[in-house]
Amino acid sequence: MDKRYLTTMLRKLQNGAIGVDEVLARLKHLPFEDVAYAHIDHHRSLRHGMPEVIYCEGKTVEQITGITRRMLKAGSDILATRASDAVFKAVKKLDRRAIYHKASRAIVIEHKKKDLTKGIVLVLTAGTSDIPIAEEAAVTSGTLGSTVQTVYDVGVAGIHRILSKKDILDSARVIVVVAGMDGALPSVVGGLVDKPIIAVPTSVGYGAGFQGLAPLLTMLNSCASGIAVMNIDNGFGAGVLAHRINLLGER
């Protein structure tokens, strides 16, 4: 439930398109709706500027579609993360506008296209194997309304690659840097720009990387200042934070 939806409902009430009873029925489950397996927060958009996001791993297809159906009825846009093909097929039956971003495994349903920001969220990866997490960040920021650019496979194993992107780095308002292995790319980028940097360690790498723990510790111990570090493989969290930082520049 967002301001746009409430405004539309009020206008319909004033024009006689809907009655008071219908308005009361739609407001009945606010601020949250208890459906036994979930408490759906329909007011989150009013507080946070974004609707509740559906994290799909660990949920059944029936639970995901049940939550999606109720959120759509309340006028919310949908962002579902870590979704499988089977989940997407089920959600697509609920709303044909559903789009599946396969690389990031994210499902998006938008009631209306947003005006994108002037400021740019730039998403970088050290390697090609980091792209799924980077795409999660990119899709999240883009769905929330940020203009997003991506540059992939510019890790420190070939330092000239990131150095050749200086113009793109300078044009961004906030930069998300996604890396596994040694996790050194955020420190390098931090030494090149005056932008806020969000570092995302990934579980990509060989055994001594400890499923992302090694790059996480590298990023936490970065000697470059102005770097925030997300949890391992948390592209979604990076995308949200990047968008919120980006919005500050818009104001």
Protein backbone atom coordinates (compact mmCIF):
# COMPACT_ATOMS: atom_id res chain seq x y z
CA MET A 1 0.00 0.00 0.00
CA ASP A 2 1.65 3.25 -1.12
CA LYS A 3 0.62 6.90 -1.39
CA ARG A 4 -0.23 6.54 -5.07
CA TYR A 5 -2.65 3.69 -4.33
CA LEU A 6 -4.30 5.57 -1.45
CA THR A 7 -4.66 8.70 -3.59
CA THR A 8 -6.26 6.70 -6.41
CA MET A 9 -8.68 5.02 -4.00
CA LEU A 10 -9.66 8.39 -2.50
CA ARG A 11 -10.27 9.83 -5.96
CA LYS A 12 -12.48 6.86 -6.89
CA LEU A 13 -14.43 7.36 -3.68
CA GLN A 14 -14.94 11.05 -4.44
CA ASN A 15 -16.05 10.26 -8.01
CA GLY A 16 -18.45 7.59 -6.86
CA ALA A 17 -16.55 4.82 -8.67
CA ILE A 18 -16.35 2.85 -5.41
CA GLY A 19 -18.35 2.99 -2.24
CA VAL A 20 -17.43 3.43 1.40
CA ASP A 21 -17.97 -0.27 2.11
CA GLU A 22 -15.43 -1.24 -0.53
CA VAL A 23 -12.91 1.25 0.83
CA LEU A 24 -13.36 -0.17 4.32
CA ALA A 25 -12.94 -3.69 2.96
CA ARG A 26 -9.64 -2.74 1.32
CA LEU A 27 -8.38 -1.01 4.47
CA LYS A 28 -9.48 -3.87 6.70
CA HIS A 29 -6.13 -5.65 6.75
CA LEU A 30 -3.97 -2.59 7.39
CA PRO A 31 -1.32 -2.11 8.59
CA PHE A 32 -0.58 -5.83 8.21
CA GLU A 33 -2.43 -8.93 7.12
CA ASP A 34 -2.16 -12.21 9.01
CA VAL A 35 -2.34 -15.20 6.64
CA ALA A 36 -1.14 -17.85 9.13
CA TYR A 37 2.26 -18.39 7.49
CA ALA A 38 3.08 -14.67 7.12
CA HIS A 39 2.24 -11.23 8.46
CA ILE A 40 2.21 -9.12 5.29
CA ASP A 41 3.27 -5.54 6.00
CA HIS A 42 1.08 -3.45 3.70
CA HIS A 43 2.26 -0.16 5.27
CA ARG A 44 5.97 -0.70 4.69
CA SER A 45 5.94 1.43 1.55
CA LEU A 46 4.55 4.38 3.53
CA ARG A 47 7.34 4.06 6.11
CA HIS A 48 10.28 2.96 3.96
CA GLY A 49 9.45 4.15 0.47
CA MET A 50 9.41 0.55 -0.78
CA PRO A 51 7.00 -2.36 -0.35
CA GLU A 52 7.80 -5.54 1.51
CA VAL A 53 10.12 -7.75 -0.53
CA ILE A 54 9.44 -11.48 -0.82
CA TYR A 55 12.48 -13.66 -0.09
CA CYS A 56 11.59 -16.91 -1.83
CA GLU A 57 14.15 -19.41 -0.56
CA GLY A 58 12.62 -21.57 2.16
CA LYS A 59 9.05 -20.73 1.14
CA THR A 60 6.72 -23.01 -0.81
CA VAL A 61 5.27 -21.95 -4.15
CA GLU A 62 1.86 -21.76 -2.51
CA GLN A 63 3.13 -19.44 0.23
CA ILE A 64 4.87 -17.17 -2.28
CA THR A 65 1.83 -16.91 -4.54
CA GLY A 66 -0.42 -16.35 -1.52
CA ILE A 67 1.70 -13.42 -0.35
CA THR A 68 1.99 -12.06 -3.90
CA ARG A 69 -1.77 -12.24 -4.48
CA ARG A 70 -2.53 -10.26 -1.33
CA MET A 71 0.15 -7.66 -2.02
CA LEU A 72 -1.15 -7.12 -5.55
CA LYS A 73 -4.68 -6.73 -4.21
CA ALA A 74 -3.38 -4.05 -1.83
CA GLY A 75 -1.80 -2.16 -4.75
CA SER A 76 1.85 -3.01 -4.02
CA ASP A 77 4.55 -3.53 -6.58
CA ILE A 78 6.29 -6.89 -6.27
CA LEU A 79 9.98 -7.69 -5.88
CA ALA A 80 10.64 -11.36 -5.12
CA THR A 81 14.26 -12.44 -4.68
CA ARG A 82 15.97 -15.85 -5.02
CA ALA A 83 13.02 -17.19 -7.01
CA SER A 84 13.09 -20.37 -9.07
CA ASP A 85 11.62 -20.93 -12.55
CA ALA A 86 8.74 -22.80 -10.94
CA VAL A 87 7.95 -19.84 -8.69
CA PHE A 88 8.03 -17.46 -11.64
CA LYS A 89 5.62 -19.62 -13.65
CA ALA A 90 3.19 -19.61 -10.73
CA VAL A 91 3.48 -15.85 -10.20
CA LYS A 92 3.09 -15.20 -13.93
CA LYS A 93 -0.32 -16.87 -13.74
CA LEU A 94 -1.33 -14.29 -11.12
CA ASP A 95 -0.15 -11.30 -13.14
CA ARG A 96 1.03 -11.39 -16.75
CA ARG A 97 3.18 -8.29 -16.13
CA ALA A 98 5.60 -10.37 -14.07
CA ILE A 99 9.18 -10.24 -15.35
CA TYR A 100 11.83 -12.80 -14.40
CA HIS A 101 15.42 -11.56 -14.24
CA LYS A 102 17.05 -14.94 -14.65
CA ALA A 103 20.63 -13.98 -13.75
CA SER A 104 19.57 -12.56 -10.39
CA ARG A 105 16.57 -14.91 -9.93
CA ALA A 106 14.37 -11.90 -9.17
CA ILE A 107 10.71 -11.45 -10.10
CA VAL A 108 9.38 -7.91 -10.63
CA ILE A 109 5.80 -6.71 -11.08
CA GLU A 110 5.29 -2.96 -11.44
CA HIS A 111 1.90 -1.26 -11.58
CA LYS A 112 3.48 1.77 -13.20
CA LYS A 113 6.97 2.50 -14.50
CA LYS A 114 8.91 4.82 -12.20
CA ASP A 115 10.75 7.98 -13.14
CA LEU A 116 14.40 7.00 -12.78
CA THR A 117 16.95 9.07 -10.88
CA LYS A 118 19.44 11.42 -12.48
CA GLY A 119 22.09 9.95 -10.21
CA ILE A 120 23.66 6.65 -11.24
CA VAL A 121 24.19 3.50 -9.20
CA LEU A 122 27.20 1.75 -10.72
CA VAL A 123 27.56 -1.98 -10.09
CA LEU A 124 30.99 -3.56 -10.63
CA THR A 125 32.16 -7.15 -10.38
CA ALA A 126 35.63 -8.56 -10.00
CA GLY A 127 34.76 -11.61 -12.10
CA THR A 128 32.08 -13.06 -14.33
CA SER A 129 31.18 -15.59 -11.62
CA ASP A 130 30.11 -12.69 -9.37
CA ILE A 131 27.45 -11.50 -11.82
CA PRO A 132 24.41 -13.23 -10.21
CA ILE A 133 24.95 -11.32 -6.95
CA ALA A 134 25.70 -8.10 -8.84
CA GLU A 135 22.53 -8.52 -10.90
CA GLU A 136 20.53 -8.88 -7.69
CA ALA A 137 21.88 -5.51 -6.59
CA ALA A 138 21.27 -3.95 -10.00
CA VAL A 139 17.70 -5.24 -10.34
CA THR A 140 16.88 -4.15 -6.79
CA SER A 141 18.14 -0.58 -7.27
CA GLY A 142 16.53 -0.34 -10.68
CA THR A 143 13.18 -1.61 -9.44
CA LEU A 144 13.21 0.95 -6.64
CA GLY A 145 13.80 3.74 -9.17
CA SER A 146 17.54 4.25 -9.55
CA THR A 147 19.33 4.59 -12.86
CA VAL A 148 21.77 1.67 -12.91
CA GLN A 149 24.89 0.92 -14.94
CA THR A 150 26.93 -2.27 -14.75
CA VAL A 151 30.56 -3.07 -15.51
CA TYR A 152 31.55 -6.70 -15.10
CA ASP A 153 34.81 -8.65 -14.87
CA VAL A 154 37.22 -5.83 -13.95
CA GLY A 155 39.03 -7.50 -11.03
CA VAL A 156 42.52 -6.83 -9.76
CA ALA A 157 44.02 -9.81 -11.63
CA GLY A 158 44.08 -7.39 -14.57
CA ILE A 159 44.28 -3.99 -12.88
CA HIS A 160 44.31 -2.13 -16.21
CA ARG A 161 40.68 -3.12 -16.74
CA ILE A 162 39.30 -1.09 -13.83
CA LEU A 163 41.73 1.77 -14.51
CA SER A 164 40.29 2.06 -18.02
CA LYS A 165 36.82 2.72 -16.51
CA LYS A 166 37.74 5.92 -14.65
CA ASP A 167 35.19 8.04 -16.56
CA ILE A 168 32.38 5.64 -15.64
CA LEU A 169 33.52 5.56 -12.01
CA ASP A 170 33.51 9.36 -11.87
CA SER A 171 30.01 9.61 -13.37
CA ALA A 172 28.39 7.46 -10.65
CA ARG A 173 26.82 8.77 -7.45
CA VAL A 174 27.29 5.52 -5.54
CA ILE A 175 29.21 2.35 -6.45
CA VAL A 176 28.48 -1.27 -5.56
CA VAL A 177 31.55 -3.50 -5.84
CA VAL A 178 30.96 -7.26 -5.87
CA ALA A 179 33.93 -9.61 -5.46
CA GLY A 180 34.87 -13.08 -4.27
CA MET A 181 38.31 -14.72 -4.09
CA ASP A 182 40.63 -12.17 -2.39
CA GLY A 183 37.97 -9.45 -2.32
CA ALA A 184 40.49 -6.72 -3.13
CA LEU A 185 38.52 -4.75 -5.76
CA PRO A 186 36.62 -2.46 -3.32
CA SER A 187 39.92 -1.20 -1.85
CA VAL A 188 41.25 -0.42 -5.31
CA VAL A 189 38.07 1.42 -6.31
CA GLY A 190 38.09 3.21 -2.94
CA GLY A 191 41.48 4.63 -3.80
CA LEU A 192 40.25 6.00 -7.12
CA VAL A 193 36.98 7.79 -6.33
CA ASP A 194 35.29 10.10 -3.81
CA LYS A 195 31.96 8.20 -3.98
CA PRO A 196 30.34 6.05 -1.29
CA ILE A 197 31.20 2.41 -1.99
CA ILE A 198 29.18 -0.63 -0.98
CA ALA A 199 31.26 -3.80 -1.00
CA VAL A 200 29.61 -7.20 -1.39
CA PRO A 201 31.69 -10.33 -0.74
CA THR A 202 30.60 -13.40 -2.67
CA SER A 203 31.01 -17.09 -1.96
CA VAL A 204 32.80 -17.51 -5.29
CA GLY A 205 36.26 -19.05 -4.97
CA TYR A 206 38.26 -22.06 -3.91
CA GLY A 207 38.29 -23.80 -0.55
CA ALA A 208 40.46 -21.34 1.37
CA GLY A 209 37.90 -18.64 0.61
CA PHE A 210 35.61 -20.34 3.15
CA GLN A 211 32.44 -19.65 1.11
CA GLY A 212 32.99 -15.89 1.11
CA LEU A 213 34.47 -15.41 4.58
CA ALA A 214 37.91 -14.53 3.18
CA PRO A 215 36.69 -11.67 0.94
CA LEU A 216 34.37 -10.50 3.73
CA LEU A 217 37.33 -10.10 6.11
CA THR A 218 39.39 -8.42 3.39
CA MET A 219 36.65 -5.86 2.78
CA LEU A 220 36.15 -5.22 6.49
CA ASN A 221 39.90 -4.61 6.80
CA SER A 222 40.13 -2.35 3.76
CA CYS A 223 42.64 0.49 4.08
CA ALA A 224 40.49 2.65 1.77
CA SER A 225 37.93 4.84 3.56
CA GLY A 226 34.27 5.33 2.68
CA ILE A 227 33.46 1.64 2.17
CA ALA A 228 30.41 -0.08 3.68
CA VAL A 229 30.42 -3.88 3.67
CA MET A 230 27.37 -6.10 3.20
CA ASN A 231 26.92 -9.71 4.24
CA ILE A 232 28.15 -12.51 1.99
CA ASP A 233 26.16 -12.74 -1.28
CA ASN A 234 23.76 -9.99 -0.14
CA GLY A 235 23.22 -8.25 -3.45
CA PHE A 236 19.69 -7.29 -2.44
CA GLY A 237 20.85 -5.40 0.65
CA ALA A 238 23.49 -3.60 -1.40
CA GLY A 239 20.89 -2.58 -3.98
CA VAL A 240 18.58 -1.11 -1.34
CA LEU A 241 21.37 0.83 0.37
CA ALA A 242 22.72 2.11 -2.94
CA HIS A 243 19.27 3.37 -3.95
CA ARG A 244 18.76 5.16 -0.62
CA ILE A 245 22.14 6.89 -0.90
CA ASN A 246 21.33 7.79 -4.48
CA LEU A 247 18.03 9.37 -3.45
CA LEU A 248 19.82 11.74 -1.07
CA GLY A 249 21.49 13.32 -4.07
CA GLU A 250 18.16 13.72 -5.84
CA ARG A 251 16.80 15.84 -2.98
